[in-house]
Amino acid sequence: MWGMGGVDGGWGPMGFGMIGMTLFGILLVVAIVALVKGLWGGGASPGQRREKDALDILSERYARGEIEKQEFDRKKHDLAA
């Protein structure tokens, strides 16, 4: 009956201690993972973190078919000016 504590067969104070230690262990693992991701940028390469400029967005819109070639060329020329 080791670890069962109490006369009624319940877990008693030891059960709460085990739950507390389990929660503490989970919290510790989560904290370590968060720290590692924070230090090393979550595994993303630096090229993935740059923000899109207007030409990137314009090119994506053209690739998706949202704008025609003439509009793409006109806006690209406007951005270059």
PDB file of N, CA and C in Angstrom:
ATOM      1  N   MET A   1       0.804  -1.191   0.000  1.00  0.00           N
ATOM      2  CA  MET A   1       0.000   0.000   0.000  1.00  0.00           C
ATOM      3  C   MET A   1       0.852   1.262   0.000  1.00  0.00           C
ATOM      4  N   TRP A   2       2.085   1.136  -0.403  1.00  0.00           N
ATOM      5  CA  TRP A   2       2.957   2.290  -0.413  1.00  0.00           C
ATOM      6  C   TRP A   2       2.401   3.355  -1.335  1.00  0.00           C
ATOM      7  N   GLY A   3       2.377   4.576  -0.894  1.00  0.00           N
ATOM      8  CA  GLY A   3       1.929   5.702  -1.692  1.00  0.00           C
ATOM      9  C   GLY A   3       0.426   5.910  -1.671  1.00  0.00           C
ATOM     10  N   MET A   4      -0.308   5.083  -1.031  1.00  0.00           N
ATOM     11  CA  MET A   4      -1.760   5.242  -1.025  1.00  0.00           C
ATOM     12  C   MET A   4      -2.211   6.137   0.117  1.00  0.00           C
ATOM     13  N   GLY A   5      -1.505   6.197   1.198  1.00  0.00           N
ATOM     14  CA  GLY A   5      -1.801   7.085   2.318  1.00  0.00           C
ATOM     15  C   GLY A   5      -3.231   6.965   2.821  1.00  0.00           C
ATOM     16  N   GLY A   6      -3.501   7.325   4.021  1.00  0.00           N
ATOM     17  CA  GLY A   6      -4.845   7.351   4.594  1.00  0.00           C
ATOM     18  C   GLY A   6      -5.450   5.966   4.772  1.00  0.00           C
ATOM     19  N   VAL A   7      -6.414   5.898   5.641  1.00  0.00           N
ATOM     20  CA  VAL A   7      -7.068   4.641   5.975  1.00  0.00           C
ATOM     21  C   VAL A   7      -8.082   4.263   4.895  1.00  0.00           C
ATOM     22  N   ASP A   8      -8.679   5.276   4.251  1.00  0.00           N
ATOM     23  CA  ASP A   8      -9.747   4.995   3.289  1.00  0.00           C
ATOM     24  C   ASP A   8      -9.223   4.618   1.899  1.00  0.00           C
ATOM     25  N   GLY A   9      -7.925   4.505   1.721  1.00  0.00           N
ATOM     26  CA  GLY A   9      -7.357   4.117   0.436  1.00  0.00           C
ATOM     27  C   GLY A   9      -7.214   5.258  -0.539  1.00  0.00           C
ATOM     28  N   GLY A  10      -7.484   6.485  -0.123  1.00  0.00           N
ATOM     29  CA  GLY A  10      -7.330   7.645  -0.995  1.00  0.00           C
ATOM     30  C   GLY A  10      -5.876   8.058  -1.109  1.00  0.00           C
ATOM     31  N   TRP A  11      -5.626   9.015  -1.934  1.00  0.00           N
ATOM     32  CA  TRP A  11      -4.250   9.452  -2.153  1.00  0.00           C
ATOM     33  C   TRP A  11      -3.746  10.351  -1.037  1.00  0.00           C
ATOM     34  N   GLY A  12      -4.581  11.097  -0.421  1.00  0.00           N
ATOM     35  CA  GLY A  12      -4.156  11.957   0.675  1.00  0.00           C
ATOM     36  C   GLY A  12      -3.185  13.033   0.214  1.00  0.00           C
ATOM     37  N   PRO A  13      -2.387  13.557   1.142  1.00  0.00           N
ATOM     38  CA  PRO A  13      -1.452  14.633   0.799  1.00  0.00           C
ATOM     39  C   PRO A  13      -0.414  14.223  -0.242  1.00  0.00           C
ATOM     40  N   MET A  14      -0.021  12.953  -0.265  1.00  0.00           N
ATOM     41  CA  MET A  14       0.988  12.522  -1.224  1.00  0.00           C
ATOM     42  C   MET A  14       0.460  12.638  -2.656  1.00  0.00           C
ATOM     43  N   GLY A  15      -0.830  12.379  -2.856  1.00  0.00           N
ATOM     44  CA  GLY A  15      -1.418  12.504  -4.188  1.00  0.00           C
ATOM     45  C   GLY A  15      -1.355  13.920  -4.708  1.00  0.00           C
ATOM     46  N   PHE A  16      -1.637  14.880  -3.844  1.00  0.00           N
ATOM     47  CA  PHE A  16      -1.547  16.286  -4.250  1.00  0.00           C
ATOM     48  C   PHE A  16      -0.098  16.667  -4.548  1.00  0.00           C
ATOM     49  N   GLY A  17       0.828  16.094  -3.813  1.00  0.00           N
ATOM     50  CA  GLY A  17       2.240  16.351  -4.076  1.00  0.00           C
ATOM     51  C   GLY A  17       2.661  15.818  -5.435  1.00  0.00           C
ATOM     52  N   MET A  18       2.171  14.641  -5.777  1.00  0.00           N
ATOM     53  CA  MET A  18       2.498  14.054  -7.079  1.00  0.00           C
ATOM     54  C   MET A  18       1.906  14.884  -8.214  1.00  0.00           C
ATOM     55  N   ILE A  19       0.684  15.356  -8.038  1.00  0.00           N
ATOM     56  CA  ILE A  19       0.054  16.200  -9.054  1.00  0.00           C
ATOM     57  C   ILE A  19       0.831  17.506  -9.196  1.00  0.00           C
ATOM     58  N   GLY A  20       1.217  18.074  -8.066  1.00  0.00           N
ATOM     59  CA  GLY A  20       1.983  19.317  -8.093  1.00  0.00           C
ATOM     60  C   GLY A  20       3.328  19.150  -8.789  1.00  0.00           C
ATOM     61  N   MET A  21       4.011  18.049  -8.511  1.00  0.00           N
ATOM     62  CA  MET A  21       5.311  17.811  -9.149  1.00  0.00           C
ATOM     63  C   MET A  21       5.144  17.571 -10.650  1.00  0.00           C
ATOM     64  N   THR A  22       4.076  16.884 -11.036  1.00  0.00           N
ATOM     65  CA  THR A  22       3.823  16.660 -12.460  1.00  0.00           C
ATOM     66  C   THR A  22       3.569  17.984 -13.169  1.00  0.00           C
ATOM     67  N   LEU A  23       2.739  18.825 -12.587  1.00  0.00           N
ATOM     68  CA  LEU A  23       2.462  20.137 -13.182  1.00  0.00           C
ATOM     69  C   LEU A  23       3.724  20.994 -13.240  1.00  0.00           C
ATOM     70  N   PHE A  24       4.535  20.921 -12.205  1.00  0.00           N
ATOM     71  CA  PHE A  24       5.792  21.663 -12.195  1.00  0.00           C
ATOM     72  C   PHE A  24       6.713  21.174 -13.313  1.00  0.00           C
ATOM     73  N   GLY A  25       6.776  19.875 -13.519  1.00  0.00           N
ATOM     74  CA  GLY A  25       7.607  19.313 -14.584  1.00  0.00           C
ATOM     75  C   GLY A  25       7.144  19.762 -15.959  1.00  0.00           C
ATOM     76  N   ILE A  26       5.833  19.750 -16.163  1.00  0.00           N
ATOM     77  CA  ILE A  26       5.294  20.195 -17.445  1.00  0.00           C
ATOM     78  C   ILE A  26       5.604  21.672 -17.663  1.00  0.00           C
ATOM     79  N   LEU A  27       5.400  22.472 -16.632  1.00  0.00           N
ATOM     80  CA  LEU A  27       5.696  23.903 -16.718  1.00  0.00           C
ATOM     81  C   LEU A  27       7.170  24.148 -17.019  1.00  0.00           C
ATOM     82  N   LEU A  28       8.038  23.368 -16.418  1.00  0.00           N
ATOM     83  CA  LEU A  28       9.474  23.508 -16.648  1.00  0.00           C
ATOM     84  C   LEU A  28       9.829  23.195 -18.101  1.00  0.00           C
ATOM     85  N   VAL A  29       9.264  22.133 -18.645  1.00  0.00           N
ATOM     86  CA  VAL A  29       9.538  21.768 -20.039  1.00  0.00           C
ATOM     87  C   VAL A  29       9.037  22.863 -20.978  1.00  0.00           C
ATOM     88  N   VAL A  30       7.835  23.382 -20.732  1.00  0.00           N
ATOM     89  CA  VAL A  30       7.279  24.440 -21.573  1.00  0.00           C
ATOM     90  C   VAL A  30       8.163  25.687 -21.511  1.00  0.00           C
ATOM     91  N   ALA A  31       8.640  26.027 -20.339  1.00  0.00           N
ATOM     92  CA  ALA A  31       9.501  27.202 -20.182  1.00  0.00           C
ATOM     93  C   ALA A  31      10.817  27.022 -20.935  1.00  0.00           C
ATOM     94  N   ILE A  32      11.395  25.839 -20.880  1.00  0.00           N
ATOM     95  CA  ILE A  32      12.659  25.585 -21.582  1.00  0.00           C
ATOM     96  C   ILE A  32      12.453  25.673 -23.088  1.00  0.00           C
ATOM     97  N   VAL A  33      11.365  25.093 -23.592  1.00  0.00           N
ATOM     98  CA  VAL A  33      11.085  25.158 -25.026  1.00  0.00           C
ATOM     99  C   VAL A  33      10.883  26.609 -25.467  1.00  0.00           C
ATOM    100  N   ALA A  34      10.149  27.387 -24.688  1.00  0.00           N
ATOM    101  CA  ALA A  34       9.918  28.793 -25.021  1.00  0.00           C
ATOM    102  C   ALA A  34      11.232  29.573 -25.023  1.00  0.00           C
ATOM    103  N   LEU A  35      12.093  29.283 -24.072  1.00  0.00           N
ATOM    104  CA  LEU A  35      13.389  29.963 -23.997  1.00  0.00           C
ATOM    105  C   LEU A  35      14.251  29.628 -25.201  1.00  0.00           C
ATOM    106  N   VAL A  36      14.299  28.365 -25.575  1.00  0.00           N
ATOM    107  CA  VAL A  36      15.106  27.948 -26.722  1.00  0.00           C
ATOM    108  C   VAL A  36      14.571  28.574 -28.002  1.00  0.00           C
ATOM    109  N   LYS A  37      13.261  28.585 -28.195  1.00  0.00           N
ATOM    110  CA  LYS A  37      12.678  29.208 -29.385  1.00  0.00           C
ATOM    111  C   LYS A  37      12.966  30.702 -29.412  1.00  0.00           C
ATOM    112  N   GLY A  38      12.928  31.342 -28.270  1.00  0.00           N
ATOM    113  CA  GLY A  38      13.207  32.772 -28.203  1.00  0.00           C
ATOM    114  C   GLY A  38      14.647  33.101 -28.532  1.00  0.00           C
ATOM    115  N   LEU A  39      15.563  32.252 -28.091  1.00  0.00           N
ATOM    116  CA  LEU A  39      16.981  32.512 -28.336  1.00  0.00           C
ATOM    117  C   LEU A  39      17.389  32.253 -29.776  1.00  0.00           C
ATOM    118  N   TRP A  40      16.793  31.244 -30.390  1.00  0.00           N
ATOM    119  CA  TRP A  40      17.186  30.874 -31.736  1.00  0.00           C
ATOM    120  C   TRP A  40      16.123  31.194 -32.772  1.00  0.00           C
ATOM    121  N   GLY A  41      15.194  32.045 -32.471  1.00  0.00           N
ATOM    122  CA  GLY A  41      14.219  32.517 -33.446  1.00  0.00           C
ATOM    123  C   GLY A  41      13.210  31.486 -33.896  1.00  0.00           C
ATOM    124  N   GLY A  42      12.978  30.457 -33.137  1.00  0.00           N
ATOM    125  CA  GLY A  42      11.958  29.478 -33.471  1.00  0.00           C
ATOM    126  C   GLY A  42      12.299  28.610 -34.662  1.00  0.00           C
ATOM    127  N   GLY A  43      13.553  28.568 -35.082  1.00  0.00           N
ATOM    128  CA  GLY A  43      13.960  27.701 -36.170  1.00  0.00           C
ATOM    129  C   GLY A  43      13.783  28.302 -37.554  1.00  0.00           C
ATOM    130  N   ALA A  44      13.286  29.501 -37.660  1.00  0.00           N
ATOM    131  CA  ALA A  44      13.094  30.130 -38.969  1.00  0.00           C
ATOM    132  C   ALA A  44      14.400  30.769 -39.424  1.00  0.00           C
ATOM    133  N   SER A  45      14.663  30.691 -40.708  1.00  0.00           N
ATOM    134  CA  SER A  45      15.865  31.318 -41.233  1.00  0.00           C
ATOM    135  C   SER A  45      15.642  32.827 -41.338  1.00  0.00           C
ATOM    136  N   PRO A  46      16.717  33.615 -41.317  1.00  0.00           N
ATOM    137  CA  PRO A  46      16.564  35.070 -41.362  1.00  0.00           C
ATOM    138  C   PRO A  46      15.821  35.559 -42.601  1.00  0.00           C
ATOM    139  N   GLY A  47      15.940  34.858 -43.724  1.00  0.00           N
ATOM    140  CA  GLY A  47      15.267  35.273 -44.945  1.00  0.00           C
ATOM    141  C   GLY A  47      13.754  35.212 -44.842  1.00  0.00           C
ATOM    142  N   GLN A  48      13.237  34.381 -43.978  1.00  0.00           N
ATOM    143  CA  GLN A  48      11.794  34.241 -43.828  1.00  0.00           C
ATOM    144  C   GLN A  48      11.199  35.345 -42.968  1.00  0.00           C
ATOM    145  N   ARG A  49      12.003  36.049 -42.253  1.00  0.00           N
ATOM    146  CA  ARG A  49      11.499  37.052 -41.316  1.00  0.00           C
ATOM    147  C   ARG A  49      11.383  38.439 -41.933  1.00  0.00           C
ATOM    148  N   ARG A  50      11.918  38.661 -43.121  1.00  0.00           N
ATOM    149  CA  ARG A  50      11.866  40.014 -43.669  1.00  0.00           C
ATOM    150  C   ARG A  50      10.449  40.343 -44.108  1.00  0.00           C
ATOM    151  N   GLU A  51      10.116  41.598 -44.010  1.00  0.00           N
ATOM    152  CA  GLU A  51       8.775  42.020 -44.395  1.00  0.00           C
ATOM    153  C   GLU A  51       8.707  42.188 -45.908  1.00  0.00           C
ATOM    154  N   LYS A  52       7.530  41.994 -46.441  1.00  0.00           N
ATOM    155  CA  LYS A  52       7.327  42.144 -47.878  1.00  0.00           C
ATOM    156  C   LYS A  52       7.322  43.621 -48.224  1.00  0.00           C
ATOM    157  N   ASP A  53       7.951  43.939 -49.347  1.00  0.00           N
ATOM    158  CA  ASP A  53       7.859  45.316 -49.816  1.00  0.00           C
ATOM    159  C   ASP A  53       6.724  45.398 -50.840  1.00  0.00           C
ATOM    160  N   ALA A  54       6.476  46.584 -51.345  1.00  0.00           N
ATOM    161  CA  ALA A  54       5.337  46.801 -52.239  1.00  0.00           C
ATOM    162  C   ALA A  54       5.454  45.976 -53.523  1.00  0.00           C
ATOM    163  N   LEU A  55       6.667  45.817 -54.042  1.00  0.00           N
ATOM    164  CA  LEU A  55       6.846  45.042 -55.270  1.00  0.00           C
ATOM    165  C   LEU A  55       6.544  43.564 -55.038  1.00  0.00           C
ATOM    166  N   ASP A  56       6.895  43.040 -53.867  1.00  0.00           N
ATOM    167  CA  ASP A  56       6.566  41.649 -53.530  1.00  0.00           C
ATOM    168  C   ASP A  56       5.052  41.447 -53.512  1.00  0.00           C
ATOM    169  N   ILE A  57       4.350  42.361 -52.886  1.00  0.00           N
ATOM    170  CA  ILE A  57       2.893  42.263 -52.798  1.00  0.00           C
ATOM    171  C   ILE A  57       2.271  42.382 -54.188  1.00  0.00           C
ATOM    172  N   LEU A  58       2.784  43.302 -54.995  1.00  0.00           N
ATOM    173  CA  LEU A  58       2.282  43.477 -56.357  1.00  0.00           C
ATOM    174  C   LEU A  58       2.506  42.208 -57.180  1.00  0.00           C
ATOM    175  N   SER A  59       3.678  41.617 -57.057  1.00  0.00           N
ATOM    176  CA  SER A  59       3.979  40.387 -57.785  1.00  0.00           C
ATOM    177  C   SER A  59       3.071  39.241 -57.356  1.00  0.00           C
ATOM    178  N   GLU A  60       2.782  39.146 -56.063  1.00  0.00           N
ATOM    179  CA  GLU A  60       1.875  38.105 -55.569  1.00  0.00           C
ATOM    180  C   GLU A  60       0.468  38.301 -56.126  1.00  0.00           C
ATOM    181  N   ARG A  61       0.012  39.552 -56.166  1.00  0.00           N
ATOM    182  CA  ARG A  61      -1.329  39.827 -56.701  1.00  0.00           C
ATOM    183  C   ARG A  61      -1.406  39.447 -58.183  1.00  0.00           C
ATOM    184  N   TYR A  62      -0.338  39.729 -58.923  1.00  0.00           N
ATOM    185  CA  TYR A  62      -0.309  39.359 -60.338  1.00  0.00           C
ATOM    186  C   TYR A  62      -0.288  37.833 -60.494  1.00  0.00           C
ATOM    187  N   ALA A  63       0.482  37.167 -59.670  1.00  0.00           N
ATOM    188  CA  ALA A  63       0.577  35.706 -59.735  1.00  0.00           C
ATOM    189  C   ALA A  63      -0.764  35.047 -59.403  1.00  0.00           C
ATOM    190  N   ARG A  64      -1.522  35.640 -58.487  1.00  0.00           N
ATOM    191  CA  ARG A  64      -2.835  35.084 -58.131  1.00  0.00           C
ATOM    192  C   ARG A  64      -3.912  35.431 -59.160  1.00  0.00           C
ATOM    193  N   GLY A  65      -3.582  36.306 -60.108  1.00  0.00           N
ATOM    194  CA  GLY A  65      -4.549  36.684 -61.132  1.00  0.00           C
ATOM    195  C   GLY A  65      -5.476  37.803 -60.709  1.00  0.00           C
ATOM    196  N   GLU A  66      -5.125  38.508 -59.649  1.00  0.00           N
ATOM    197  CA  GLU A  66      -5.972  39.597 -59.174  1.00  0.00           C
ATOM    198  C   GLU A  66      -5.881  40.823 -60.071  1.00  0.00           C
ATOM    199  N   ILE A  67      -4.739  41.000 -60.745  1.00  0.00           N
ATOM    200  CA  ILE A  67      -4.558  42.139 -61.644  1.00  0.00           C
ATOM    201  C   ILE A  67      -4.018  41.634 -62.980  1.00  0.00           C
ATOM    202  N   GLU A  68      -4.272  42.415 -64.032  1.00  0.00           N
ATOM    203  CA  GLU A  68      -3.814  42.061 -65.385  1.00  0.00           C
ATOM    204  C   GLU A  68      -2.370  42.525 -65.590  1.00  0.00           C
ATOM    205  N   LYS A  69      -1.767  42.067 -66.687  1.00  0.00           N
ATOM    206  CA  LYS A  69      -0.367  42.393 -67.000  1.00  0.00           C
ATOM    207  C   LYS A  69      -0.164  43.900 -67.157  1.00  0.00           C
ATOM    208  N   GLN A  70      -1.098  44.573 -67.835  1.00  0.00           N
ATOM    209  CA  GLN A  70      -0.953  46.008 -68.052  1.00  0.00           C
ATOM    210  C   GLN A  70      -0.951  46.763 -66.720  1.00  0.00           C
ATOM    211  N   GLU A  71      -1.859  46.394 -65.820  1.00  0.00           N
ATOM    212  CA  GLU A  71      -1.916  47.052 -64.514  1.00  0.00           C
ATOM    213  C   GLU A  71      -0.659  46.750 -63.703  1.00  0.00           C
ATOM    214  N   PHE A  72      -0.184  45.491 -63.783  1.00  0.00           N
ATOM    215  CA  PHE A  72       1.045  45.118 -63.087  1.00  0.00           C
ATOM    216  C   PHE A  72       2.224  45.964 -63.567  1.00  0.00           C
ATOM    217  N   ASP A  73       2.378  46.066 -64.918  1.00  0.00           N
ATOM    218  CA  ASP A  73       3.489  46.847 -65.477  1.00  0.00           C
ATOM    219  C   ASP A  73       3.391  48.315 -65.089  1.00  0.00           C
ATOM    220  N   ARG A  74       2.175  48.879 -65.127  1.00  0.00           N
ATOM    221  CA  ARG A  74       1.982  50.288 -64.785  1.00  0.00           C
ATOM    222  C   ARG A  74       2.350  50.545 -63.320  1.00  0.00           C
ATOM    223  N   LYS A  75       1.859  49.675 -62.443  1.00  0.00           N
ATOM    224  CA  LYS A  75       2.143  49.876 -61.014  1.00  0.00           C
ATOM    225  C   LYS A  75       3.618  49.620 -60.688  1.00  0.00           C
ATOM    226  N   LYS A  76       4.214  48.653 -61.366  1.00  0.00           N
ATOM    227  CA  LYS A  76       5.642  48.387 -61.171  1.00  0.00           C
ATOM    228  C   LYS A  76       6.464  49.601 -61.581  1.00  0.00           C
ATOM    229  N   HIS A  77       6.071  50.216 -62.700  1.00  0.00           N
ATOM    230  CA  HIS A  77       6.765  51.431 -63.162  1.00  0.00           C
ATOM    231  C   HIS A  77       6.582  52.552 -62.157  1.00  0.00           C
ATOM    232  N   ASP A  78       5.366  52.688 -61.607  1.00  0.00           N
ATOM    233  CA  ASP A  78       5.110  53.727 -60.608  1.00  0.00           C
ATOM    234  C   ASP A  78       5.957  53.520 -59.351  1.00  0.00           C
ATOM    235  N   LEU A  79       6.126  52.267 -58.959  1.00  0.00           N
ATOM    236  CA  LEU A  79       6.919  51.993 -57.763  1.00  0.00           C
ATOM    237  C   LEU A  79       8.394  52.289 -57.981  1.00  0.00           C
ATOM    238  N   ALA A  80       8.869  52.075 -59.197  1.00  0.00           N
ATOM    239  CA  ALA A  80      10.274  52.325 -59.508  1.00  0.00           C
ATOM    240  C   ALA A  80      10.580  53.814 -59.548  1.00  0.00           C
ATOM    241  N   ALA A  81       9.588  54.627 -59.820  1.00  0.00           N
ATOM    242  CA  ALA A  81       9.792  56.081 -59.950  1.00  0.00           C
ATOM    243  C   ALA A  81       9.935  56.756 -58.614  1.00  0.00           C
TER     244      ALA A  81
END
